[in-house]
Amino acid sequence: MEGIPDFEKLIFDYLDRVKELLSPRTWENLLLDCSKNEVFVMLLLYRKGEVNMTQVSDYLQSPLNTVTGIIDRMEKRRLLERQRSAEDKRVVTIRMTEQGKACIKDILEQAFCYGQSILGRLTPEELHTGIRLIDKVLEGLKEEYGKAQYRKGTYEKELRGRASNGKEPCGKEQNCKEASDGKVPNGSDQAAPVRKVRKIRIE
């Protein structure tokens, strides 16, 4: 349609222009050799002071075993420390060390300087328009993410329903059919063993 840009071409043009900005080499100095998740953990602790593992898992939207690995690496680098509750030894809280606090402050200072140099190129009107556009894009992405999660949940629920109905107990309908026909699940023609029941005659 006339007047509407080719969306695919537009996306690829912008990806080509920002690929250098998205490369790890560009961000390694800004993030001080910290991974994205490590920075997010420090940002959470910077604002909350101390948190537990479940809170970190919810914030990162990652399973606990993944979060445990992240926290282990950060603890080895002395960016944070674990502490057990005096009231309940099962409860473990996480807080930043002085080295971790210094690290996140350096990252924030560099990020603020970087952001100010970019925003300084915009007029107040351009900045206001840009924020509105970003909000609209984020709202759309959040909505699509919610739809994708709903579709995933519906699909998994359907699979569980099929399994509970005996359609796919092993993930393969053919095996179930063969088992019901008296054949072994591997598809061979050998009949499944039948247990003989001894009859007892009562006089």
C-alpha atoms as a PDB file:
ATOM      1  CA  MET A   1       0.000   0.000   0.000  1.00  0.00           C
ATOM      2  CA  GLU A   2       1.311   3.420  -0.942  1.00  0.00           C
ATOM      3  CA  GLY A   3       2.679   5.492   1.945  1.00  0.00           C
ATOM      4  CA  ILE A   4       3.298   2.496   4.225  1.00  0.00           C
ATOM      5  CA  PRO A   5       6.982   1.450   4.484  1.00  0.00           C
ATOM      6  CA  ASP A   6       8.061  -2.138   4.010  1.00  0.00           C
ATOM      7  CA  PHE A   7       8.039  -3.305   7.638  1.00  0.00           C
ATOM      8  CA  GLU A   8      10.509  -6.137   7.070  1.00  0.00           C
ATOM      9  CA  LYS A   9      12.990  -3.826   5.317  1.00  0.00           C
ATOM     10  CA  LEU A  10      12.578  -1.255   8.090  1.00  0.00           C
ATOM     11  CA  ILE A  11      13.360  -3.824  10.781  1.00  0.00           C
ATOM     12  CA  PHE A  12      16.460  -5.146   9.003  1.00  0.00           C
ATOM     13  CA  ASP A  13      17.729  -1.615   8.315  1.00  0.00           C
ATOM     14  CA  TYR A  14      17.556  -0.749  12.016  1.00  0.00           C
ATOM     15  CA  LEU A  15      19.086  -4.076  13.049  1.00  0.00           C
ATOM     16  CA  ASP A  16      22.049  -3.367  10.780  1.00  0.00           C
ATOM     17  CA  ARG A  17      22.442   0.082  12.309  1.00  0.00           C
ATOM     18  CA  VAL A  18      22.298  -1.044  15.942  1.00  0.00           C
ATOM     19  CA  LYS A  19      24.101  -4.398  15.702  1.00  0.00           C
ATOM     20  CA  GLU A  20      27.367  -2.764  16.766  1.00  0.00           C
ATOM     21  CA  LEU A  21      25.645  -1.243  19.799  1.00  0.00           C
ATOM     22  CA  LEU A  22      24.212  -4.634  20.760  1.00  0.00           C
ATOM     23  CA  SER A  23      27.504  -6.501  20.512  1.00  0.00           C
ATOM     24  CA  PRO A  24      29.089  -7.728  23.797  1.00  0.00           C
ATOM     25  CA  ARG A  25      32.311  -5.899  22.930  1.00  0.00           C
ATOM     26  CA  THR A  26      30.491  -2.561  23.090  1.00  0.00           C
ATOM     27  CA  TRP A  27      28.966  -3.228  26.495  1.00  0.00           C
ATOM     28  CA  GLU A  28      31.776  -5.066  28.262  1.00  0.00           C
ATOM     29  CA  ASN A  29      33.347  -1.835  29.514  1.00  0.00           C
ATOM     30  CA  LEU A  30      30.012  -0.382  30.585  1.00  0.00           C
ATOM     31  CA  LEU A  31      28.959  -3.531  32.477  1.00  0.00           C
ATOM     32  CA  LEU A  32      32.442  -4.120  33.916  1.00  0.00           C
ATOM     33  CA  ASP A  33      32.569  -7.746  32.727  1.00  0.00           C
ATOM     34  CA  CYS A  34      29.241  -8.578  34.385  1.00  0.00           C
ATOM     35  CA  SER A  35      26.538 -10.543  32.598  1.00  0.00           C
ATOM     36  CA  LYS A  36      23.072  -9.106  32.011  1.00  0.00           C
ATOM     37  CA  ASN A  37      21.554 -11.252  34.778  1.00  0.00           C
ATOM     38  CA  GLU A  38      24.317 -10.318  37.220  1.00  0.00           C
ATOM     39  CA  VAL A  39      23.624  -6.633  36.609  1.00  0.00           C
ATOM     40  CA  PHE A  40      19.884  -7.202  37.132  1.00  0.00           C
ATOM     41  CA  VAL A  41      20.569  -8.986  40.426  1.00  0.00           C
ATOM     42  CA  MET A  42      22.727  -6.096  41.620  1.00  0.00           C
ATOM     43  CA  LEU A  43      20.085  -3.578  40.548  1.00  0.00           C
ATOM     44  CA  LEU A  44      17.490  -5.489  42.561  1.00  0.00           C
ATOM     45  CA  LEU A  45      19.751  -5.557  45.623  1.00  0.00           C
ATOM     46  CA  TYR A  46      20.691  -1.893  45.122  1.00  0.00           C
ATOM     47  CA  ARG A  47      17.022  -0.963  45.514  1.00  0.00           C
ATOM     48  CA  LYS A  48      15.836  -3.614  47.997  1.00  0.00           C
ATOM     49  CA  GLY A  49      18.892  -4.017  50.233  1.00  0.00           C
ATOM     50  CA  GLU A  50      18.416  -7.746  50.700  1.00  0.00           C
ATOM     51  CA  VAL A  51      16.226 -10.375  49.051  1.00  0.00           C
ATOM     52  CA  ASN A  52      15.697 -14.130  49.066  1.00  0.00           C
ATOM     53  CA  MET A  53      16.200 -16.607  46.237  1.00  0.00           C
ATOM     54  CA  THR A  54      12.512 -16.709  45.317  1.00  0.00           C
ATOM     55  CA  GLN A  55      12.436 -12.936  44.858  1.00  0.00           C
ATOM     56  CA  VAL A  56      15.472 -13.092  42.580  1.00  0.00           C
ATOM     57  CA  SER A  57      13.876 -15.922  40.605  1.00  0.00           C
ATOM     58  CA  ASP A  58      10.664 -13.926  40.152  1.00  0.00           C
ATOM     59  CA  TYR A  59      12.560 -10.779  39.181  1.00  0.00           C
ATOM     60  CA  LEU A  60      14.699 -12.542  36.572  1.00  0.00           C
ATOM     61  CA  GLN A  61      11.800 -14.800  35.503  1.00  0.00           C
ATOM     62  CA  SER A  62      14.183 -17.735  35.688  1.00  0.00           C
ATOM     63  CA  PRO A  63      13.980 -21.096  37.491  1.00  0.00           C
ATOM     64  CA  LEU A  64      15.637 -21.443  40.882  1.00  0.00           C
ATOM     65  CA  ASN A  65      18.390 -23.774  39.616  1.00  0.00           C
ATOM     66  CA  THR A  66      19.446 -21.120  37.072  1.00  0.00           C
ATOM     67  CA  VAL A  67      19.362 -18.391  39.717  1.00  0.00           C
ATOM     68  CA  THR A  68      21.453 -20.541  42.074  1.00  0.00           C
ATOM     69  CA  GLY A  69      24.203 -20.724  39.443  1.00  0.00           C
ATOM     70  CA  ILE A  70      24.135 -16.941  38.956  1.00  0.00           C
ATOM     71  CA  ILE A  71      24.325 -16.291  42.707  1.00  0.00           C
ATOM     72  CA  ASP A  72      27.156 -18.837  43.104  1.00  0.00           C
ATOM     73  CA  ARG A  73      29.262 -17.060  40.468  1.00  0.00           C
ATOM     74  CA  MET A  74      28.597 -13.645  41.966  1.00  0.00           C
ATOM     75  CA  GLU A  75      29.465 -14.902  45.435  1.00  0.00           C
ATOM     76  CA  LYS A  76      32.791 -16.258  44.153  1.00  0.00           C
ATOM     77  CA  ARG A  77      33.523 -12.802  42.711  1.00  0.00           C
ATOM     78  CA  ARG A  78      32.642 -11.306  46.104  1.00  0.00           C
ATOM     79  CA  LEU A  79      29.890  -9.155  44.647  1.00  0.00           C
ATOM     80  CA  LEU A  80      27.316 -10.473  47.124  1.00  0.00           C
ATOM     81  CA  GLU A  81      26.979 -12.762  50.100  1.00  0.00           C
ATOM     82  CA  ARG A  82      24.439 -15.209  51.457  1.00  0.00           C
ATOM     83  CA  GLN A  83      23.191 -15.045  55.039  1.00  0.00           C
ATOM     84  CA  ARG A  84      20.967 -17.502  56.905  1.00  0.00           C
ATOM     85  CA  SER A  85      18.159 -16.179  59.045  1.00  0.00           C
ATOM     86  CA  ALA A  86      18.807 -16.413  62.776  1.00  0.00           C
ATOM     87  CA  GLU A  87      15.156 -17.339  63.319  1.00  0.00           C
ATOM     88  CA  ASP A  88      14.859 -19.910  60.523  1.00  0.00           C
ATOM     89  CA  LYS A  89      18.041 -21.510  59.170  1.00  0.00           C
ATOM     90  CA  ARG A  90      16.175 -22.628  56.045  1.00  0.00           C
ATOM     91  CA  VAL A  91      15.686 -19.011  54.960  1.00  0.00           C
ATOM     92  CA  VAL A  92      18.659 -17.614  53.025  1.00  0.00           C
ATOM     93  CA  THR A  93      18.895 -13.911  52.257  1.00  0.00           C
ATOM     94  CA  ILE A  94      21.229 -12.270  49.765  1.00  0.00           C
ATOM     95  CA  ARG A  95      22.878  -8.878  50.080  1.00  0.00           C
ATOM     96  CA  MET A  96      25.616  -7.002  48.265  1.00  0.00           C
ATOM     97  CA  THR A  97      29.120  -6.732  49.602  1.00  0.00           C
ATOM     98  CA  GLU A  98      30.990  -3.425  49.590  1.00  0.00           C
ATOM     99  CA  GLN A  99      32.695  -4.582  46.394  1.00  0.00           C
ATOM    100  CA  GLY A 100      29.314  -5.264  44.824  1.00  0.00           C
ATOM    101  CA  LYS A 101      27.980  -1.854  45.834  1.00  0.00           C
ATOM    102  CA  ALA A 102      31.016  -0.157  44.299  1.00  0.00           C
ATOM    103  CA  CYS A 103      30.558  -2.208  41.108  1.00  0.00           C
ATOM    104  CA  ILE A 104      26.889  -1.309  40.578  1.00  0.00           C
ATOM    105  CA  LYS A 105      27.559   2.354  41.364  1.00  0.00           C
ATOM    106  CA  ASP A 106      30.253   2.449  38.672  1.00  0.00           C
ATOM    107  CA  ILE A 107      27.875   0.802  36.180  1.00  0.00           C
ATOM    108  CA  LEU A 108      25.076   3.269  36.997  1.00  0.00           C
ATOM    109  CA  GLU A 109      27.378   6.277  36.724  1.00  0.00           C
ATOM    110  CA  GLN A 110      28.577   5.188  33.294  1.00  0.00           C
ATOM    111  CA  ALA A 111      25.021   4.426  32.191  1.00  0.00           C
ATOM    112  CA  PHE A 112      23.800   7.847  33.349  1.00  0.00           C
ATOM    113  CA  CYS A 113      26.619   9.631  31.532  1.00  0.00           C
ATOM    114  CA  TYR A 114      25.938   7.596  28.408  1.00  0.00           C
ATOM    115  CA  GLY A 115      22.216   8.361  28.619  1.00  0.00           C
ATOM    116  CA  GLN A 116      22.705  12.074  29.238  1.00  0.00           C
ATOM    117  CA  SER A 117      24.956  12.422  26.201  1.00  0.00           C
ATOM    118  CA  ILE A 118      22.231  10.846  24.053  1.00  0.00           C
ATOM    119  CA  LEU A 119      19.292  12.702  25.566  1.00  0.00           C
ATOM    120  CA  GLY A 120      21.197  15.968  25.272  1.00  0.00           C
ATOM    121  CA  ARG A 121      20.790  15.701  21.489  1.00  0.00           C
ATOM    122  CA  LEU A 122      16.987  15.780  21.771  1.00  0.00           C
ATOM    123  CA  THR A 123      14.672  18.705  22.279  1.00  0.00           C
ATOM    124  CA  PRO A 124      12.091  18.452  25.105  1.00  0.00           C
ATOM    125  CA  GLU A 125       9.396  17.784  22.500  1.00  0.00           C
ATOM    126  CA  GLU A 126      11.426  15.012  20.857  1.00  0.00           C
ATOM    127  CA  LEU A 127      12.150  13.477  24.244  1.00  0.00           C
ATOM    128  CA  HIS A 128       8.465  13.508  25.206  1.00  0.00           C
ATOM    129  CA  THR A 129       7.461  11.977  21.874  1.00  0.00           C
ATOM    130  CA  GLY A 130      10.188   9.343  22.141  1.00  0.00           C
ATOM    131  CA  ILE A 131       9.056   8.299  25.639  1.00  0.00           C
ATOM    132  CA  ARG A 132       5.456   7.984  24.460  1.00  0.00           C
ATOM    133  CA  LEU A 133       6.532   5.821  21.507  1.00  0.00           C
ATOM    134  CA  ILE A 134       8.688   3.587  23.710  1.00  0.00           C
ATOM    135  CA  ASP A 135       5.787   3.165  26.154  1.00  0.00           C
ATOM    136  CA  LYS A 136       3.501   2.146  23.303  1.00  0.00           C
ATOM    137  CA  VAL A 137       6.042  -0.350  21.950  1.00  0.00           C
ATOM    138  CA  LEU A 138       6.598  -1.858  25.420  1.00  0.00           C
ATOM    139  CA  GLU A 139       2.851  -2.116  25.969  1.00  0.00           C
ATOM    140  CA  GLY A 140       2.483  -3.976  22.664  1.00  0.00           C
ATOM    141  CA  LEU A 141       5.386  -6.317  23.465  1.00  0.00           C
ATOM    142  CA  LYS A 142       3.934  -7.070  26.899  1.00  0.00           C
ATOM    143  CA  GLU A 143       0.551  -7.855  25.378  1.00  0.00           C
ATOM    144  CA  GLU A 144       2.060 -10.195  22.766  1.00  0.00           C
ATOM    145  CA  TYR A 145       4.182 -11.880  25.445  1.00  0.00           C
ATOM    146  CA  GLY A 146       1.040 -12.497  27.482  1.00  0.00           C
ATOM    147  CA  LYS A 147      -0.677 -14.052  24.466  1.00  0.00           C
ATOM    148  CA  ALA A 148       2.325 -16.295  23.812  1.00  0.00           C
ATOM    149  CA  GLN A 149       2.372 -17.453  27.452  1.00  0.00           C
ATOM    150  CA  TYR A 150      -1.366 -18.174  27.284  1.00  0.00           C
ATOM    151  CA  ARG A 151      -0.936 -20.225  24.108  1.00  0.00           C
ATOM    152  CA  LYS A 152       1.941 -22.140  25.702  1.00  0.00           C
ATOM    153  CA  GLY A 153      -0.108 -22.861  28.820  1.00  0.00           C
ATOM    154  CA  THR A 154      -3.099 -23.988  26.763  1.00  0.00           C
ATOM    155  CA  TYR A 155      -0.908 -26.312  24.692  1.00  0.00           C
ATOM    156  CA  GLU A 156       0.726 -27.857  27.771  1.00  0.00           C
ATOM    157  CA  LYS A 157      -2.690 -28.302  29.405  1.00  0.00           C
ATOM    158  CA  GLU A 158      -3.939 -30.078  26.289  1.00  0.00           C
ATOM    159  CA  LEU A 159      -0.941 -32.441  26.333  1.00  0.00           C
ATOM    160  CA  ARG A 160      -1.538 -33.268  29.993  1.00  0.00           C
ATOM    161  CA  GLY A 161      -5.210 -33.929  29.231  1.00  0.00           C
ATOM    162  CA  ARG A 162      -4.333 -36.274  26.389  1.00  0.00           C
ATOM    163  CA  ALA A 163      -1.890 -38.145  28.612  1.00  0.00           C
ATOM    164  CA  SER A 164      -4.419 -38.510  31.447  1.00  0.00           C
ATOM    165  CA  ASN A 165      -6.963 -39.912  28.974  1.00  0.00           C
ATOM    166  CA  GLY A 166      -4.548 -42.638  27.936  1.00  0.00           C
ATOM    167  CA  LYS A 167      -3.866 -41.216  24.512  1.00  0.00           C
ATOM    168  CA  GLU A 168      -0.209 -40.392  25.022  1.00  0.00           C
ATOM    169  CA  PRO A 169       1.027 -41.887  28.301  1.00  0.00           C
ATOM    170  CA  CYS A 170       4.477 -42.385  26.789  1.00  0.00           C
ATOM    171  CA  GLY A 171       4.281 -39.541  24.304  1.00  0.00           C
ATOM    172  CA  LYS A 172       3.498 -41.929  21.411  1.00  0.00           C
ATOM    173  CA  GLU A 173      -0.042 -42.906  20.486  1.00  0.00           C
ATOM    174  CA  GLN A 174       1.163 -45.792  18.336  1.00  0.00           C
ATOM    175  CA  ASN A 175       2.826 -47.481  21.290  1.00  0.00           C
ATOM    176  CA  CYS A 176      -0.373 -47.167  23.321  1.00  0.00           C
ATOM    177  CA  LYS A 177      -2.402 -48.701  20.490  1.00  0.00           C
ATOM    178  CA  GLU A 178       0.033 -51.579  20.143  1.00  0.00           C
ATOM    179  CA  ALA A 179      -0.055 -52.215  23.860  1.00  0.00           C
ATOM    180  CA  SER A 180      -3.850 -52.362  23.816  1.00  0.00           C
ATOM    181  CA  ASP A 181      -3.678 -54.882  20.901  1.00  0.00           C
ATOM    182  CA  GLY A 182      -1.538 -57.208  22.987  1.00  0.00           C
ATOM    183  CA  LYS A 183       1.751 -56.292  21.322  1.00  0.00           C
ATOM    184  CA  VAL A 184       4.919 -55.082  22.953  1.00  0.00           C
ATOM    185  CA  PRO A 185       5.424 -51.290  22.815  1.00  0.00           C
ATOM    186  CA  ASN A 186       8.473 -51.494  20.514  1.00  0.00           C
ATOM    187  CA  GLY A 187       6.255 -52.390  17.598  1.00  0.00           C
ATOM    188  CA  SER A 188       7.297 -56.059  17.160  1.00  0.00           C
ATOM    189  CA  ASP A 189       4.722 -58.772  16.440  1.00  0.00           C
ATOM    190  CA  GLN A 190       5.568 -60.688  19.593  1.00  0.00           C
ATOM    191  CA  ALA A 191       2.502 -60.881  21.803  1.00  0.00           C
ATOM    192  CA  ALA A 192       2.684 -59.414  25.246  1.00  0.00           C
ATOM    193  CA  PRO A 193       3.009 -62.106  27.957  1.00  0.00           C
ATOM    194  CA  VAL A 194      -0.306 -63.143  29.488  1.00  0.00           C
ATOM    195  CA  ARG A 195      -0.353 -64.157  33.107  1.00  0.00           C
ATOM    196  CA  LYS A 196      -2.165 -67.475  33.656  1.00  0.00           C
ATOM    197  CA  VAL A 197      -4.680 -67.658  36.479  1.00  0.00           C
ATOM    198  CA  ARG A 198      -5.091 -70.998  38.176  1.00  0.00           C
ATOM    199  CA  LYS A 199      -8.701 -71.992  38.655  1.00  0.00           C
ATOM    200  CA  ILE A 200      -9.723 -73.469  41.978  1.00  0.00           C
ATOM    201  CA  ARG A 201     -12.567 -75.968  41.951  1.00  0.00           C
ATOM    202  CA  ILE A 202     -14.909 -75.848  44.912  1.00  0.00           C
ATOM    203  CA  GLU A 203     -16.873 -79.056  45.589  1.00  0.00           C
END
